[in-house]
Amino acid sequence: MKRIIWIMTFIVFTSTALTGNCLYEDLVGKKFQAKGTISGVMKEDGKYTMMLKMDNGASILVFWEGERYEAFQEILQSGNRVRLVVDVLEGGLIHGLTASKLGRIVVSKSNIPKTYIEQNARYAPVDVKTLDAYERTVRYFNPKLSSANARKIASSILTYSKINNIDPRLVVSVIFVESNFEVDARSVKGAIGLGQLMPETARCMNVDPTKVEENIKGTTKYLRDCMEKWKNYPYMSVPLGLASYNAGPNAVARHGGIPPYSETQAYVNKVMKLYYKLCGK
């Protein structure tokens, strides 16, 4: 019975929480630390698969060879909070190397931040004048938005832009071209919300695209990821990043630049034109 429950949990987990592993394909051959709480462990053919909910809220699967897991078996038990050293294999597979046990985090319910923005407020403070200016800009692009919704969108754009080290004016430009700041926008291809995130992209960003704040979080993070792929081309990282956001990084790499798709070329031109205007150029 326990095995059936575990398998059902495992299926749900791999279709949702595993999304964090989508982000590690670019780290093949590298090592890093992961801290979090073990949600469960499964043994199959002498190897172990461990669910780890990390302290940043993301969840990943960590794979262990039998002997290596057994060397840390007392530490790698469900419910334990641990620090792992892992490396990344081909395809973004996260492979466990070492483990150490950490103390539990005790948090008072009254001090739990309600949103990711509140969690990161000290890292990305937003001054009132800037927030007011962005709220006016959002309402200019979509006058139907209430003041409260426009302020929420503006605050999310400013916060996640700072967290991801990206110009918020570029994020405004992308959202306007993508959705005209229509919160409930849906495309015929299935893209969702302000940043028109595809469901698979949203899963890889570990966000719910139907929620305003999370949609902007995913939009900003994915845009930053797209631009990072072209960081060795500093004068082209923005247009190539925009092309990647629209057509996918693989299409940009395959064509050696902005793909010859009329939709993508028009998209990049529209976003860049508005971006330059917002920058006063």
C-alpha atoms as a PDB file:
ATOM      1  CA  MET A   1       0.000   0.000   0.000  1.00  0.00           C
ATOM      2  CA  LYS A   2       2.812   2.387   0.903  1.00  0.00           C
ATOM      3  CA  ARG A   3       4.467   1.677  -2.443  1.00  0.00           C
ATOM      4  CA  ILE A   4       1.235   2.493  -4.337  1.00  0.00           C
ATOM      5  CA  ILE A   5       0.905   5.787  -2.463  1.00  0.00           C
ATOM      6  CA  TRP A   6       4.549   6.570  -3.161  1.00  0.00           C
ATOM      7  CA  ILE A   7       4.186   5.839  -6.899  1.00  0.00           C
ATOM      8  CA  MET A   8       1.081   8.060  -7.110  1.00  0.00           C
ATOM      9  CA  THR A   9       2.971  10.822  -5.293  1.00  0.00           C
ATOM     10  CA  PHE A  10       5.965  10.294  -7.560  1.00  0.00           C
ATOM     11  CA  ILE A  11       3.806  10.662 -10.722  1.00  0.00           C
ATOM     12  CA  VAL A  12       2.268  13.895  -9.464  1.00  0.00           C
ATOM     13  CA  PHE A  13       5.668  15.170  -8.386  1.00  0.00           C
ATOM     14  CA  THR A  14       7.354  14.492 -11.720  1.00  0.00           C
ATOM     15  CA  SER A  15       4.591  16.341 -13.565  1.00  0.00           C
ATOM     16  CA  THR A  16       4.754  19.400 -11.311  1.00  0.00           C
ATOM     17  CA  ALA A  17       7.540  19.766  -8.770  1.00  0.00           C
ATOM     18  CA  LEU A  18      10.210  18.313 -11.058  1.00  0.00           C
ATOM     19  CA  THR A  19       9.986  21.494 -13.107  1.00  0.00           C
ATOM     20  CA  GLY A  20      13.005  22.829 -11.235  1.00  0.00           C
ATOM     21  CA  ASN A  21      15.183  20.287 -13.064  1.00  0.00           C
ATOM     22  CA  CYS A  22      14.269  21.930 -16.395  1.00  0.00           C
ATOM     23  CA  LEU A  23      16.459  24.866 -15.407  1.00  0.00           C
ATOM     24  CA  TYR A  24      19.687  22.900 -14.886  1.00  0.00           C
ATOM     25  CA  GLU A  25      20.427  21.750 -18.443  1.00  0.00           C
ATOM     26  CA  ASP A  26      22.899  24.619 -18.883  1.00  0.00           C
ATOM     27  CA  LEU A  27      24.881  23.494 -15.796  1.00  0.00           C
ATOM     28  CA  VAL A  28      26.002  20.121 -17.169  1.00  0.00           C
ATOM     29  CA  GLY A  29      29.330  19.129 -15.613  1.00  0.00           C
ATOM     30  CA  LYS A  30      29.107  21.680 -12.786  1.00  0.00           C
ATOM     31  CA  LYS A  31      28.671  21.210  -9.035  1.00  0.00           C
ATOM     32  CA  PHE A  32      26.536  23.289  -6.678  1.00  0.00           C
ATOM     33  CA  GLN A  33      24.917  23.146  -3.236  1.00  0.00           C
ATOM     34  CA  ALA A  34      21.224  22.575  -2.661  1.00  0.00           C
ATOM     35  CA  LYS A  35      19.586  23.152   0.732  1.00  0.00           C
ATOM     36  CA  GLY A  36      16.107  22.021   1.649  1.00  0.00           C
ATOM     37  CA  THR A  37      13.834  19.383   3.175  1.00  0.00           C
ATOM     38  CA  ILE A  38      13.570  15.821   1.872  1.00  0.00           C
ATOM     39  CA  SER A  39       9.982  15.051   0.804  1.00  0.00           C
ATOM     40  CA  GLY A  40      10.529  11.379   0.007  1.00  0.00           C
ATOM     41  CA  VAL A  41      12.900   8.715  -1.285  1.00  0.00           C
ATOM     42  CA  MET A  42      12.254   5.934  -3.789  1.00  0.00           C
ATOM     43  CA  LYS A  43      14.468   2.893  -4.523  1.00  0.00           C
ATOM     44  CA  GLU A  44      14.424   1.337  -7.976  1.00  0.00           C
ATOM     45  CA  ASP A  45      16.930  -1.170  -9.435  1.00  0.00           C
ATOM     46  CA  GLY A  46      19.510  -0.451  -6.748  1.00  0.00           C
ATOM     47  CA  LYS A  47      19.373   3.335  -7.284  1.00  0.00           C
ATOM     48  CA  TYR A  48      17.600   6.010  -5.283  1.00  0.00           C
ATOM     49  CA  THR A  49      15.492   8.980  -6.338  1.00  0.00           C
ATOM     50  CA  MET A  50      15.019  11.673  -3.713  1.00  0.00           C
ATOM     51  CA  MET A  51      12.512  14.529  -3.675  1.00  0.00           C
ATOM     52  CA  LEU A  52      14.003  17.740  -2.271  1.00  0.00           C
ATOM     53  CA  LYS A  53      11.968  20.847  -1.552  1.00  0.00           C
ATOM     54  CA  MET A  54      14.586  23.597  -1.520  1.00  0.00           C
ATOM     55  CA  ASP A  55      14.585  26.566   0.843  1.00  0.00           C
ATOM     56  CA  ASN A  56      13.802  28.909  -2.093  1.00  0.00           C
ATOM     57  CA  GLY A  57      10.487  27.093  -2.677  1.00  0.00           C
ATOM     58  CA  ALA A  58      11.526  25.166  -5.794  1.00  0.00           C
ATOM     59  CA  SER A  59      11.482  21.358  -5.834  1.00  0.00           C
ATOM     60  CA  ILE A  60      13.920  19.037  -7.585  1.00  0.00           C
ATOM     61  CA  LEU A  61      14.657  15.356  -7.979  1.00  0.00           C
ATOM     62  CA  VAL A  62      18.124  14.179  -6.940  1.00  0.00           C
ATOM     63  CA  PHE A  63      19.364  10.802  -8.176  1.00  0.00           C
ATOM     64  CA  TRP A  64      21.792   8.705  -6.106  1.00  0.00           C
ATOM     65  CA  GLU A  65      23.881   5.661  -6.899  1.00  0.00           C
ATOM     66  CA  GLY A  66      23.138   2.851  -4.418  1.00  0.00           C
ATOM     67  CA  GLU A  67      26.458   2.790  -2.536  1.00  0.00           C
ATOM     68  CA  ARG A  68      26.708   6.577  -2.363  1.00  0.00           C
ATOM     69  CA  TYR A  69      23.157   6.909  -1.004  1.00  0.00           C
ATOM     70  CA  GLU A  70      23.720   4.197   1.564  1.00  0.00           C
ATOM     71  CA  ALA A  71      26.837   6.000   2.834  1.00  0.00           C
ATOM     72  CA  PHE A  72      24.564   8.936   3.789  1.00  0.00           C
ATOM     73  CA  GLN A  73      21.429   6.908   4.522  1.00  0.00           C
ATOM     74  CA  GLU A  74      20.952   8.184   8.087  1.00  0.00           C
ATOM     75  CA  ILE A  75      20.969  11.760   6.793  1.00  0.00           C
ATOM     76  CA  LEU A  76      18.885  11.189   3.655  1.00  0.00           C
ATOM     77  CA  GLN A  77      15.600  10.378   5.382  1.00  0.00           C
ATOM     78  CA  SER A  78      12.206  11.943   4.656  1.00  0.00           C
ATOM     79  CA  GLY A  79      11.590  15.049   6.724  1.00  0.00           C
ATOM     80  CA  ASN A  80      15.277  15.860   7.289  1.00  0.00           C
ATOM     81  CA  ARG A  81      16.573  19.264   6.289  1.00  0.00           C
ATOM     82  CA  VAL A  82      19.864  18.800   4.462  1.00  0.00           C
ATOM     83  CA  ARG A  83      22.653  20.467   2.540  1.00  0.00           C
ATOM     84  CA  LEU A  84      23.630  18.510  -0.578  1.00  0.00           C
ATOM     85  CA  VAL A  85      26.515  18.800  -2.974  1.00  0.00           C
ATOM     86  CA  VAL A  86      25.294  17.713  -6.401  1.00  0.00           C
ATOM     87  CA  ASP A  87      26.456  17.798  -9.991  1.00  0.00           C
ATOM     88  CA  VAL A  88      24.474  17.959 -13.224  1.00  0.00           C
ATOM     89  CA  LEU A  89      24.614  15.240 -15.862  1.00  0.00           C
ATOM     90  CA  GLU A  90      23.466  15.351 -19.480  1.00  0.00           C
ATOM     91  CA  GLY A  91      19.834  16.370 -19.869  1.00  0.00           C
ATOM     92  CA  GLY A  92      19.804  18.327 -16.607  1.00  0.00           C
ATOM     93  CA  LEU A  93      19.826  15.194 -14.418  1.00  0.00           C
ATOM     94  CA  ILE A  94      20.796  16.195 -10.865  1.00  0.00           C
ATOM     95  CA  HIS A  95      23.162  13.658  -9.290  1.00  0.00           C
ATOM     96  CA  GLY A  96      23.832  13.503  -5.526  1.00  0.00           C
ATOM     97  CA  LEU A  97      27.432  13.511  -4.270  1.00  0.00           C
ATOM     98  CA  THR A  98      27.499  14.308  -0.541  1.00  0.00           C
ATOM     99  CA  ALA A  99      25.032  15.259   2.195  1.00  0.00           C
ATOM    100  CA  SER A 100      25.019  16.860   5.622  1.00  0.00           C
ATOM    101  CA  LYS A 101      22.140  17.389   8.015  1.00  0.00           C
ATOM    102  CA  LEU A 102      20.915  20.891   8.914  1.00  0.00           C
ATOM    103  CA  GLY A 103      18.804  22.147  11.781  1.00  0.00           C
ATOM    104  CA  ARG A 104      15.136  22.794  11.148  1.00  0.00           C
ATOM    105  CA  ILE A 105      13.959  26.327  10.443  1.00  0.00           C
ATOM    106  CA  VAL A 106      11.414  27.485  13.001  1.00  0.00           C
ATOM    107  CA  VAL A 107       9.284  30.333  11.687  1.00  0.00           C
ATOM    108  CA  SER A 108       6.526  32.119  13.561  1.00  0.00           C
ATOM    109  CA  LYS A 109       3.299  32.133  11.544  1.00  0.00           C
ATOM    110  CA  SER A 110       2.937  35.854  12.152  1.00  0.00           C
ATOM    111  CA  ASN A 111       6.286  36.442  10.435  1.00  0.00           C
ATOM    112  CA  ILE A 112       5.702  34.317   7.333  1.00  0.00           C
ATOM    113  CA  PRO A 113       5.750  36.590   4.248  1.00  0.00           C
ATOM    114  CA  LYS A 114       2.537  36.418   2.247  1.00  0.00           C
ATOM    115  CA  THR A 115       4.203  36.689  -1.133  1.00  0.00           C
ATOM    116  CA  TYR A 116       7.552  36.174  -2.825  1.00  0.00           C
ATOM    117  CA  ILE A 117       7.772  39.948  -3.232  1.00  0.00           C
ATOM    118  CA  GLU A 118       7.580  40.413   0.544  1.00  0.00           C
ATOM    119  CA  GLN A 119      10.246  37.740   1.016  1.00  0.00           C
ATOM    120  CA  ASN A 120      12.631  39.692  -1.225  1.00  0.00           C
ATOM    121  CA  ALA A 121      11.642  43.219  -0.226  1.00  0.00           C
ATOM    122  CA  ARG A 122      14.931  43.873   1.545  1.00  0.00           C
ATOM    123  CA  TYR A 123      16.836  42.824  -1.565  1.00  0.00           C
ATOM    124  CA  ALA A 124      14.698  44.787  -4.004  1.00  0.00           C
ATOM    125  CA  PRO A 125      13.247  47.841  -2.265  1.00  0.00           C
ATOM    126  CA  VAL A 126      10.953  49.965  -4.454  1.00  0.00           C
ATOM    127  CA  ASP A 127      10.669  53.688  -3.743  1.00  0.00           C
ATOM    128  CA  VAL A 128       7.202  55.228  -3.794  1.00  0.00           C
ATOM    129  CA  LYS A 129       7.870  57.742  -6.591  1.00  0.00           C
ATOM    130  CA  THR A 130       9.101  55.033  -8.937  1.00  0.00           C
ATOM    131  CA  LEU A 131       6.177  52.791  -8.037  1.00  0.00           C
ATOM    132  CA  ASP A 132       3.727  55.644  -8.718  1.00  0.00           C
ATOM    133  CA  ALA A 133       5.328  56.302 -12.118  1.00  0.00           C
ATOM    134  CA  TYR A 134       5.095  52.650 -13.129  1.00  0.00           C
ATOM    135  CA  GLU A 135       1.509  52.413 -11.901  1.00  0.00           C
ATOM    136  CA  ARG A 136       0.608  55.368 -14.152  1.00  0.00           C
ATOM    137  CA  THR A 137       2.421  53.706 -17.047  1.00  0.00           C
ATOM    138  CA  VAL A 138       0.540  50.440 -16.573  1.00  0.00           C
ATOM    139  CA  ARG A 139      -2.807  52.253 -16.442  1.00  0.00           C
ATOM    140  CA  TYR A 140      -1.859  54.267 -19.529  1.00  0.00           C
ATOM    141  CA  PHE A 141      -1.413  51.029 -21.461  1.00  0.00           C
ATOM    142  CA  ASN A 142      -4.599  49.491 -20.020  1.00  0.00           C
ATOM    143  CA  PRO A 143      -6.995  52.133 -18.614  1.00  0.00           C
ATOM    144  CA  LYS A 144      -9.493  49.401 -17.683  1.00  0.00           C
ATOM    145  CA  LEU A 145      -7.271  48.224 -14.828  1.00  0.00           C
ATOM    146  CA  SER A 146      -8.197  49.326 -11.325  1.00  0.00           C
ATOM    147  CA  SER A 147      -5.661  51.371  -9.417  1.00  0.00           C
ATOM    148  CA  ALA A 148      -5.070  48.428  -7.057  1.00  0.00           C
ATOM    149  CA  ASN A 149      -4.401  45.980  -9.905  1.00  0.00           C
ATOM    150  CA  ALA A 150      -2.185  48.448 -11.749  1.00  0.00           C
ATOM    151  CA  ARG A 151      -0.164  49.028  -8.589  1.00  0.00           C
ATOM    152  CA  LYS A 152       0.177  45.286  -8.006  1.00  0.00           C
ATOM    153  CA  ILE A 153       1.454  44.809 -11.558  1.00  0.00           C
ATOM    154  CA  ALA A 154       3.840  47.766 -11.248  1.00  0.00           C
ATOM    155  CA  SER A 155       5.181  46.525  -7.920  1.00  0.00           C
ATOM    156  CA  SER A 156       5.706  43.022  -9.302  1.00  0.00           C
ATOM    157  CA  ILE A 157       7.523  44.321 -12.383  1.00  0.00           C
ATOM    158  CA  LEU A 158       9.861  46.506 -10.335  1.00  0.00           C
ATOM    159  CA  THR A 159      10.577  43.844  -7.729  1.00  0.00           C
ATOM    160  CA  TYR A 160      11.237  40.908 -10.037  1.00  0.00           C
ATOM    161  CA  SER A 161      13.198  43.072 -12.450  1.00  0.00           C
ATOM    162  CA  LYS A 162      15.559  44.006  -9.645  1.00  0.00           C
ATOM    163  CA  ILE A 163      15.791  40.440  -8.354  1.00  0.00           C
ATOM    164  CA  ASN A 164      16.665  39.213 -11.862  1.00  0.00           C
ATOM    165  CA  ASN A 165      18.890  42.203 -12.683  1.00  0.00           C
ATOM    166  CA  ILE A 166      16.898  43.292 -15.717  1.00  0.00           C
ATOM    167  CA  ASP A 167      15.631  46.728 -16.827  1.00  0.00           C
ATOM    168  CA  PRO A 168      11.957  47.033 -15.740  1.00  0.00           C
ATOM    169  CA  ARG A 169      11.282  49.184 -18.826  1.00  0.00           C
ATOM    170  CA  LEU A 170      12.120  46.156 -20.959  1.00  0.00           C
ATOM    171  CA  VAL A 171       9.705  44.021 -18.941  1.00  0.00           C
ATOM    172  CA  VAL A 172       6.980  46.669 -19.423  1.00  0.00           C
ATOM    173  CA  SER A 173       7.661  46.627 -23.169  1.00  0.00           C
ATOM    174  CA  VAL A 174       7.471  42.830 -23.363  1.00  0.00           C
ATOM    175  CA  ILE A 175       4.210  42.652 -21.391  1.00  0.00           C
ATOM    176  CA  PHE A 176       2.580  45.385 -23.486  1.00  0.00           C
ATOM    177  CA  VAL A 177       3.459  43.683 -26.778  1.00  0.00           C
ATOM    178  CA  GLU A 178       2.526  40.257 -25.409  1.00  0.00           C
ATOM    179  CA  SER A 179      -0.834  41.067 -23.826  1.00  0.00           C
ATOM    180  CA  ASN A 180      -1.588  44.835 -23.799  1.00  0.00           C
ATOM    181  CA  PHE A 181      -1.546  44.395 -20.010  1.00  0.00           C
ATOM    182  CA  GLU A 182      -4.660  42.205 -20.162  1.00  0.00           C
ATOM    183  CA  VAL A 183      -4.415  40.092 -17.015  1.00  0.00           C
ATOM    184  CA  ASP A 184      -6.571  37.266 -18.391  1.00  0.00           C
ATOM    185  CA  ALA A 185      -5.123  37.238 -21.909  1.00  0.00           C
ATOM    186  CA  ARG A 186      -5.042  33.821 -23.614  1.00  0.00           C
ATOM    187  CA  SER A 187      -3.636  33.005 -27.034  1.00  0.00           C
ATOM    188  CA  VAL A 188      -4.899  30.411 -29.499  1.00  0.00           C
ATOM    189  CA  LYS A 189      -1.646  28.503 -28.861  1.00  0.00           C
ATOM    190  CA  GLY A 190      -2.362  28.349 -25.123  1.00  0.00           C
ATOM    191  CA  ALA A 191      -0.114  31.172 -23.833  1.00  0.00           C
ATOM    192  CA  ILE A 192      -1.366  32.619 -20.555  1.00  0.00           C
ATOM    193  CA  GLY A 193      -1.526  35.990 -18.836  1.00  0.00           C
ATOM    194  CA  LEU A 194       0.475  39.200 -18.924  1.00  0.00           C
ATOM    195  CA  GLY A 195       3.703  37.690 -20.215  1.00  0.00           C
ATOM    196  CA  GLN A 196       1.906  35.067 -22.347  1.00  0.00           C
ATOM    197  CA  LEU A 197       3.745  32.164 -20.740  1.00  0.00           C
ATOM    198  CA  MET A 198       3.243  28.775 -22.336  1.00  0.00           C
ATOM    199  CA  PRO A 199       2.223  26.126 -19.779  1.00  0.00           C
ATOM    200  CA  GLU A 200       5.503  24.218 -20.176  1.00  0.00           C
ATOM    201  CA  THR A 201       7.540  27.411 -19.694  1.00  0.00           C
ATOM    202  CA  ALA A 202       5.507  28.249 -16.588  1.00  0.00           C
ATOM    203  CA  ARG A 203       6.208  24.780 -15.181  1.00  0.00           C
ATOM    204  CA  CYS A 204       9.940  25.215 -15.769  1.00  0.00           C
ATOM    205  CA  MET A 205       9.792  28.607 -14.033  1.00  0.00           C
ATOM    206  CA  ASN A 206       7.817  26.957 -11.187  1.00  0.00           C
ATOM    207  CA  VAL A 207       4.989  29.515 -11.334  1.00  0.00           C
ATOM    208  CA  ASP A 208       1.217  29.558 -11.697  1.00  0.00           C
ATOM    209  CA  PRO A 209       0.713  31.724 -14.829  1.00  0.00           C
ATOM    210  CA  THR A 210      -2.905  32.491 -13.934  1.00  0.00           C
ATOM    211  CA  LYS A 211      -1.786  34.553 -10.934  1.00  0.00           C
ATOM    212  CA  VAL A 212      -0.596  38.078 -11.699  1.00  0.00           C
ATOM    213  CA  GLU A 213       2.459  38.153  -9.444  1.00  0.00           C
ATOM    214  CA  GLU A 214       3.639  34.679 -10.422  1.00  0.00           C
ATOM    215  CA  ASN A 215       3.108  35.374 -14.116  1.00  0.00           C
ATOM    216  CA  ILE A 216       5.349  38.428 -13.884  1.00  0.00           C
ATOM    217  CA  LYS A 217       7.854  36.460 -11.820  1.00  0.00           C
ATOM    218  CA  GLY A 218       7.993  33.781 -14.533  1.00  0.00           C
ATOM    219  CA  THR A 219       8.047  36.317 -17.361  1.00  0.00           C
ATOM    220  CA  THR A 220      10.959  38.225 -15.866  1.00  0.00           C
ATOM    221  CA  LYS A 221      12.934  35.106 -14.969  1.00  0.00           C
ATOM    222  CA  TYR A 222      12.429  33.513 -18.382  1.00  0.00           C
ATOM    223  CA  LEU A 223      13.339  36.744 -20.191  1.00  0.00           C
ATOM    224  CA  ARG A 224      16.503  36.945 -18.115  1.00  0.00           C
ATOM    225  CA  ASP A 225      17.332  33.303 -18.900  1.00  0.00           C
ATOM    226  CA  CYS A 226      16.838  33.994 -22.616  1.00  0.00           C
ATOM    227  CA  MET A 227      19.160  37.005 -22.486  1.00  0.00           C
ATOM    228  CA  GLU A 228      21.765  35.112 -20.451  1.00  0.00           C
ATOM    229  CA  LYS A 229      22.179  32.649 -23.310  1.00  0.00           C
ATOM    230  CA  TRP A 230      23.559  35.489 -25.451  1.00  0.00           C
ATOM    231  CA  LYS A 231      25.600  37.327 -22.818  1.00  0.00           C
ATOM    232  CA  ASN A 232      28.757  36.869 -24.907  1.00  0.00           C
ATOM    233  CA  TYR A 233      27.150  39.162 -27.500  1.00  0.00           C
ATOM    234  CA  PRO A 234      26.561  42.253 -25.306  1.00  0.00           C
ATOM    235  CA  TYR A 235      25.217  44.474 -28.074  1.00  0.00           C
ATOM    236  CA  MET A 236      22.793  41.787 -29.225  1.00  0.00           C
ATOM    237  CA  SER A 237      21.799  40.139 -25.943  1.00  0.00           C
ATOM    238  CA  VAL A 238      18.516  42.082 -25.722  1.00  0.00           C
ATOM    239  CA  PRO A 239      17.192  41.499 -29.279  1.00  0.00           C
ATOM    240  CA  LEU A 240      18.432  37.902 -29.281  1.00  0.00           C
ATOM    241  CA  GLY A 241      16.874  37.400 -25.849  1.00  0.00           C
ATOM    242  CA  LEU A 242      13.566  38.772 -27.143  1.00  0.00           C
ATOM    243  CA  ALA A 243      13.731  36.497 -30.174  1.00  0.00           C
ATOM    244  CA  SER A 244      14.391  33.562 -27.827  1.00  0.00           C
ATOM    245  CA  TYR A 245      11.423  34.578 -25.656  1.00  0.00           C
ATOM    246  CA  ASN A 246       9.170  34.601 -28.726  1.00  0.00           C
ATOM    247  CA  ALA A 247      10.471  31.726 -30.863  1.00  0.00           C
ATOM    248  CA  GLY A 248      12.549  29.728 -28.387  1.00  0.00           C
ATOM    249  CA  PRO A 249      16.328  29.690 -27.757  1.00  0.00           C
ATOM    250  CA  ASN A 250      16.807  26.662 -30.003  1.00  0.00           C
ATOM    251  CA  ALA A 251      15.347  28.490 -33.005  1.00  0.00           C
ATOM    252  CA  VAL A 252      17.701  31.433 -32.440  1.00  0.00           C
ATOM    253  CA  ALA A 253      20.701  29.118 -32.093  1.00  0.00           C
ATOM    254  CA  ARG A 254      19.678  27.138 -35.185  1.00  0.00           C
ATOM    255  CA  HIS A 255      19.443  30.253 -37.349  1.00  0.00           C
ATOM    256  CA  GLY A 256      22.475  31.961 -35.828  1.00  0.00           C
ATOM    257  CA  GLY A 257      20.451  35.057 -34.938  1.00  0.00           C
ATOM    258  CA  ILE A 258      16.882  36.337 -35.049  1.00  0.00           C
ATOM    259  CA  PRO A 259      14.938  33.651 -36.963  1.00  0.00           C
ATOM    260  CA  PRO A 260      13.470  34.588 -40.362  1.00  0.00           C
ATOM    261  CA  TYR A 261       9.934  34.309 -39.020  1.00  0.00           C
ATOM    262  CA  SER A 262       7.785  37.355 -39.775  1.00  0.00           C
ATOM    263  CA  GLU A 263       6.068  37.054 -36.368  1.00  0.00           C
ATOM    264  CA  THR A 264       9.352  36.951 -34.440  1.00  0.00           C
ATOM    265  CA  GLN A 265      10.973  39.768 -36.412  1.00  0.00           C
ATOM    266  CA  ALA A 266       7.898  41.981 -35.966  1.00  0.00           C
ATOM    267  CA  TYR A 267       7.820  41.075 -32.256  1.00  0.00           C
ATOM    268  CA  VAL A 268      11.448  42.069 -31.670  1.00  0.00           C
ATOM    269  CA  ASN A 269      10.959  45.334 -33.578  1.00  0.00           C
ATOM    270  CA  LYS A 270       7.828  46.258 -31.591  1.00  0.00           C
ATOM    271  CA  VAL A 271       9.388  45.537 -28.204  1.00  0.00           C
ATOM    272  CA  MET A 272      12.653  47.321 -29.035  1.00  0.00           C
ATOM    273  CA  LYS A 273      10.818  50.353 -30.417  1.00  0.00           C
ATOM    274  CA  LEU A 274       8.728  50.730 -27.250  1.00  0.00           C
ATOM    275  CA  TYR A 275      11.756  50.024 -25.053  1.00  0.00           C
ATOM    276  CA  TYR A 276      13.757  52.791 -26.705  1.00  0.00           C
ATOM    277  CA  LYS A 277      10.795  55.153 -26.303  1.00  0.00           C
ATOM    278  CA  LEU A 278      10.498  54.367 -22.593  1.00  0.00           C
ATOM    279  CA  CYS A 279      14.251  54.941 -22.264  1.00  0.00           C
ATOM    280  CA  GLY A 280      13.870  58.358 -23.907  1.00  0.00           C
ATOM    281  CA  LYS A 281      15.853  57.397 -27.001  1.00  0.00           C
END
